[in-house]
Amino acid sequence: MFYVMAKVHWDYKSLQRVVWNYSEKGHGKGAPDSMGGVLKIAADRIVAEGNDFPNIDLLISHLQIQISGGMIMEVHESGILRRNY
């Protein structure tokens, strides 16, 4: 797949970005792990564009712009400990 992605720009000259979401079955990858991967890739892309995150608020702000259709928010430990399951 990497080879195909590396060569696809020859056929599609106007292509600006290629994204490959890989999630092999059977390795314990659930929805939280997948979302973590999406956030990491988005953060890596934002940094590659020359941005920096001196604090969590700025990171969340950038991620909210990059990722549509989801809610990104900071969760404090106290909020997790109060949760009743």
N, C-alpha and C. Protein backbone atom coordinates (compact mmCIF):
# COMPACT_ATOMS: atom_id res chain seq x y z
N MET A 1 0.82 -1.19 0.00
CA MET A 1 0.00 0.00 0.00
C MET A 1 0.86 1.26 0.00
N PHE A 2 1.98 1.23 0.74
CA PHE A 2 2.85 2.41 0.77
C PHE A 2 3.37 2.73 -0.64
N TYR A 3 3.73 1.71 -1.40
CA TYR A 3 4.22 1.93 -2.77
C TYR A 3 3.16 2.62 -3.62
N VAL A 4 1.92 2.15 -3.52
CA VAL A 4 0.82 2.75 -4.29
C VAL A 4 0.65 4.21 -3.90
N MET A 5 0.68 4.48 -2.61
CA MET A 5 0.52 5.87 -2.15
C MET A 5 1.66 6.76 -2.63
N ALA A 6 2.86 6.20 -2.68
CA ALA A 6 4.02 6.98 -3.11
C ALA A 6 3.96 7.30 -4.60
N LYS A 7 3.29 6.47 -5.38
CA LYS A 7 3.25 6.66 -6.84
C LYS A 7 1.96 7.28 -7.37
N VAL A 8 0.92 7.37 -6.54
CA VAL A 8 -0.39 7.83 -7.01
C VAL A 8 -0.35 9.27 -7.53
N HIS A 9 0.57 10.08 -7.06
CA HIS A 9 0.62 11.48 -7.51
C HIS A 9 0.95 11.60 -9.00
N TRP A 10 1.54 10.56 -9.60
CA TRP A 10 1.85 10.60 -11.03
C TRP A 10 0.57 10.60 -11.86
N ASP A 11 -0.46 9.92 -11.38
CA ASP A 11 -1.72 9.84 -12.11
C ASP A 11 -2.69 10.96 -11.74
N TYR A 12 -2.52 11.53 -10.56
CA TYR A 12 -3.42 12.57 -10.07
C TYR A 12 -2.59 13.80 -9.71
N LYS A 13 -2.28 14.60 -10.70
CA LYS A 13 -1.37 15.74 -10.52
C LYS A 13 -1.88 16.78 -9.52
N SER A 14 -3.20 16.91 -9.37
CA SER A 14 -3.73 17.93 -8.46
C SER A 14 -3.83 17.43 -7.02
N LEU A 15 -3.46 16.21 -6.77
CA LEU A 15 -3.53 15.63 -5.43
C LEU A 15 -2.61 16.38 -4.48
N GLN A 16 -3.16 16.82 -3.34
CA GLN A 16 -2.38 17.59 -2.37
C GLN A 16 -2.04 16.80 -1.13
N ARG A 17 -2.89 15.82 -0.77
CA ARG A 17 -2.65 15.06 0.46
C ARG A 17 -3.22 13.65 0.30
N VAL A 18 -2.49 12.67 0.79
CA VAL A 18 -2.95 11.29 0.82
C VAL A 18 -2.94 10.83 2.27
N VAL A 19 -4.05 10.25 2.71
CA VAL A 19 -4.16 9.77 4.08
C VAL A 19 -4.46 8.28 4.04
N TRP A 20 -3.73 7.52 4.83
CA TRP A 20 -3.93 6.08 4.90
C TRP A 20 -4.29 5.73 6.34
N ASN A 21 -5.51 5.29 6.56
CA ASN A 21 -5.95 4.86 7.89
C ASN A 21 -5.89 3.34 7.93
N TYR A 22 -4.97 2.81 8.69
CA TYR A 22 -4.74 1.38 8.76
C TYR A 22 -5.13 0.86 10.14
N SER A 23 -6.01 -0.12 10.18
CA SER A 23 -6.42 -0.70 11.44
C SER A 23 -6.64 -2.19 11.23
N GLU A 24 -5.60 -2.96 11.47
CA GLU A 24 -5.67 -4.40 11.28
C GLU A 24 -6.51 -5.04 12.38
N LYS A 25 -7.35 -5.98 12.02
CA LYS A 25 -8.21 -6.66 12.99
C LYS A 25 -7.40 -7.61 13.85
N GLY A 26 -7.91 -7.83 15.05
CA GLY A 26 -7.35 -8.86 15.90
C GLY A 26 -6.20 -8.44 16.78
N HIS A 27 -5.90 -7.17 16.88
CA HIS A 27 -4.79 -6.71 17.71
C HIS A 27 -5.25 -5.82 18.85
N GLY A 28 -6.51 -5.94 19.25
CA GLY A 28 -7.01 -5.18 20.38
C GLY A 28 -7.27 -3.73 20.10
N LYS A 29 -7.32 -3.37 18.84
CA LYS A 29 -7.58 -1.96 18.51
C LYS A 29 -9.08 -1.70 18.59
N GLY A 30 -9.47 -0.89 19.50
CA GLY A 30 -10.86 -0.51 19.63
C GLY A 30 -11.05 0.93 19.22
N ALA A 31 -12.24 1.42 19.42
CA ALA A 31 -12.55 2.81 19.05
C ALA A 31 -11.64 3.82 19.75
N PRO A 32 -11.35 3.66 21.06
CA PRO A 32 -10.46 4.64 21.70
C PRO A 32 -9.05 4.65 21.09
N ASP A 33 -8.54 3.47 20.75
CA ASP A 33 -7.21 3.38 20.16
C ASP A 33 -7.21 4.02 18.77
N SER A 34 -8.25 3.79 18.01
CA SER A 34 -8.36 4.39 16.68
C SER A 34 -8.43 5.91 16.76
N MET A 35 -9.20 6.41 17.71
CA MET A 35 -9.31 7.86 17.87
C MET A 35 -7.98 8.46 18.29
N GLY A 36 -7.26 7.76 19.16
CA GLY A 36 -5.94 8.23 19.56
C GLY A 36 -5.00 8.34 18.36
N GLY A 37 -5.08 7.37 17.47
CA GLY A 37 -4.26 7.40 16.25
C GLY A 37 -4.63 8.56 15.35
N VAL A 38 -5.91 8.82 15.21
CA VAL A 38 -6.38 9.94 14.39
C VAL A 38 -5.88 11.26 14.96
N LEU A 39 -5.97 11.41 16.29
CA LEU A 39 -5.50 12.64 16.93
C LEU A 39 -4.00 12.81 16.78
N LYS A 40 -3.25 11.71 16.92
CA LYS A 40 -1.78 11.79 16.79
C LYS A 40 -1.39 12.18 15.38
N ILE A 41 -2.00 11.58 14.38
CA ILE A 41 -1.69 11.91 13.00
C ILE A 41 -2.03 13.37 12.70
N ALA A 42 -3.19 13.82 13.20
CA ALA A 42 -3.58 15.22 12.99
C ALA A 42 -2.59 16.16 13.66
N ALA A 43 -2.18 15.83 14.89
CA ALA A 43 -1.20 16.68 15.60
C ALA A 43 0.14 16.69 14.86
N ASP A 44 0.57 15.54 14.36
CA ASP A 44 1.82 15.47 13.60
C ASP A 44 1.73 16.35 12.35
N ARG A 45 0.58 16.33 11.69
CA ARG A 45 0.39 17.14 10.48
C ARG A 45 0.44 18.63 10.83
N ILE A 46 -0.19 19.01 11.93
CA ILE A 46 -0.21 20.42 12.35
C ILE A 46 1.20 20.90 12.68
N VAL A 47 1.98 20.07 13.35
CA VAL A 47 3.37 20.42 13.68
C VAL A 47 4.20 20.51 12.40
N ALA A 48 3.97 19.60 11.46
CA ALA A 48 4.71 19.63 10.19
C ALA A 48 4.43 20.91 9.40
N GLU A 49 3.28 21.51 9.64
CA GLU A 49 2.92 22.77 8.98
C GLU A 49 3.53 23.99 9.69
N GLY A 50 4.35 23.74 10.74
CA GLY A 50 5.07 24.83 11.40
C GLY A 50 4.45 25.34 12.69
N ASN A 51 3.44 24.67 13.18
CA ASN A 51 2.79 25.09 14.42
C ASN A 51 3.44 24.43 15.63
N ASP A 52 3.22 25.02 16.80
CA ASP A 52 3.75 24.48 18.05
C ASP A 52 2.64 24.54 19.10
N PHE A 53 2.71 23.67 20.10
CA PHE A 53 1.69 23.61 21.14
C PHE A 53 2.32 23.82 22.51
N PRO A 54 2.40 25.05 22.97
CA PRO A 54 2.97 25.28 24.30
C PRO A 54 2.03 24.88 25.44
N ASN A 55 0.76 24.63 25.10
CA ASN A 55 -0.20 24.21 26.14
C ASN A 55 -1.30 23.36 25.51
N ILE A 56 -2.04 22.67 26.36
CA ILE A 56 -3.09 21.76 25.89
C ILE A 56 -4.24 22.50 25.22
N ASP A 57 -4.53 23.70 25.68
CA ASP A 57 -5.63 24.47 25.09
C ASP A 57 -5.38 24.78 23.62
N LEU A 58 -4.15 25.13 23.28
CA LEU A 58 -3.82 25.42 21.89
C LEU A 58 -3.86 24.15 21.03
N LEU A 59 -3.40 23.04 21.58
CA LEU A 59 -3.47 21.76 20.86
C LEU A 59 -4.93 21.41 20.56
N ILE A 60 -5.79 21.50 21.55
CA ILE A 60 -7.21 21.17 21.36
C ILE A 60 -7.83 22.10 20.32
N SER A 61 -7.49 23.37 20.37
CA SER A 61 -8.02 24.34 19.41
C SER A 61 -7.65 23.95 17.98
N HIS A 62 -6.39 23.61 17.76
CA HIS A 62 -5.93 23.19 16.43
C HIS A 62 -6.60 21.89 15.99
N LEU A 63 -6.73 20.93 16.90
CA LEU A 63 -7.35 19.65 16.56
C LEU A 63 -8.83 19.82 16.21
N GLN A 64 -9.52 20.71 16.90
CA GLN A 64 -10.93 20.95 16.60
C GLN A 64 -11.11 21.50 15.19
N ILE A 65 -10.15 22.27 14.72
CA ILE A 65 -10.21 22.79 13.35
C ILE A 65 -9.94 21.68 12.35
N GLN A 66 -8.96 20.82 12.63
CA GLN A 66 -8.55 19.76 11.71
C GLN A 66 -9.54 18.61 11.61
N ILE A 67 -10.20 18.29 12.72
CA ILE A 67 -11.04 17.09 12.76
C ILE A 67 -12.50 17.52 12.92
N SER A 68 -13.29 17.25 11.90
CA SER A 68 -14.70 17.60 11.97
C SER A 68 -15.51 16.36 12.33
N GLY A 69 -16.68 16.58 12.87
CA GLY A 69 -17.57 15.47 13.17
C GLY A 69 -17.31 14.80 14.50
N GLY A 70 -16.49 15.39 15.33
CA GLY A 70 -16.21 14.81 16.64
C GLY A 70 -16.06 15.90 17.68
N MET A 71 -16.08 15.51 18.93
CA MET A 71 -15.92 16.46 20.02
C MET A 71 -14.56 16.19 20.68
N ILE A 72 -13.73 17.19 20.73
CA ILE A 72 -12.41 17.07 21.34
C ILE A 72 -12.39 18.00 22.55
N MET A 73 -12.12 17.42 23.70
CA MET A 73 -12.09 18.23 24.92
C MET A 73 -11.08 17.64 25.89
N GLU A 74 -10.63 18.48 26.79
CA GLU A 74 -9.70 18.05 27.84
C GLU A 74 -10.49 17.38 28.95
N VAL A 75 -9.99 16.24 29.41
CA VAL A 75 -10.62 15.53 30.53
C VAL A 75 -9.62 15.50 31.67
N HIS A 76 -10.02 16.06 32.79
CA HIS A 76 -9.16 16.08 33.97
C HIS A 76 -9.33 14.80 34.78
N GLU A 77 -8.31 14.44 35.50
CA GLU A 77 -8.36 13.22 36.30
C GLU A 77 -9.53 13.22 37.28
N SER A 78 -9.82 14.38 37.85
CA SER A 78 -10.92 14.46 38.81
C SER A 78 -12.26 14.09 38.17
N GLY A 79 -12.43 14.42 36.90
CA GLY A 79 -13.64 14.06 36.19
C GLY A 79 -13.75 12.58 35.94
N ILE A 80 -12.63 11.92 35.78
CA ILE A 80 -12.62 10.47 35.58
C ILE A 80 -12.92 9.76 36.90
N LEU A 81 -12.33 10.25 37.98
CA LEU A 81 -12.52 9.61 39.28
C LEU A 81 -13.94 9.74 39.80
N ARG A 82 -14.66 10.79 39.41
CA ARG A 82 -16.05 10.99 39.85
C ARG A 82 -17.02 10.09 39.11
N ARG A 83 -16.62 9.56 37.99
CA ARG A 83 -17.52 8.77 37.13
C ARG A 83 -17.97 7.49 37.83
N ASN A 84 -19.27 7.22 37.84
CA ASN A 84 -19.82 5.99 38.40
C ASN A 84 -20.12 5.02 37.26
N TYR A 85 -19.57 3.83 37.35
CA TYR A 85 -19.80 2.85 36.28
C TYR A 85 -20.74 1.81 36.74
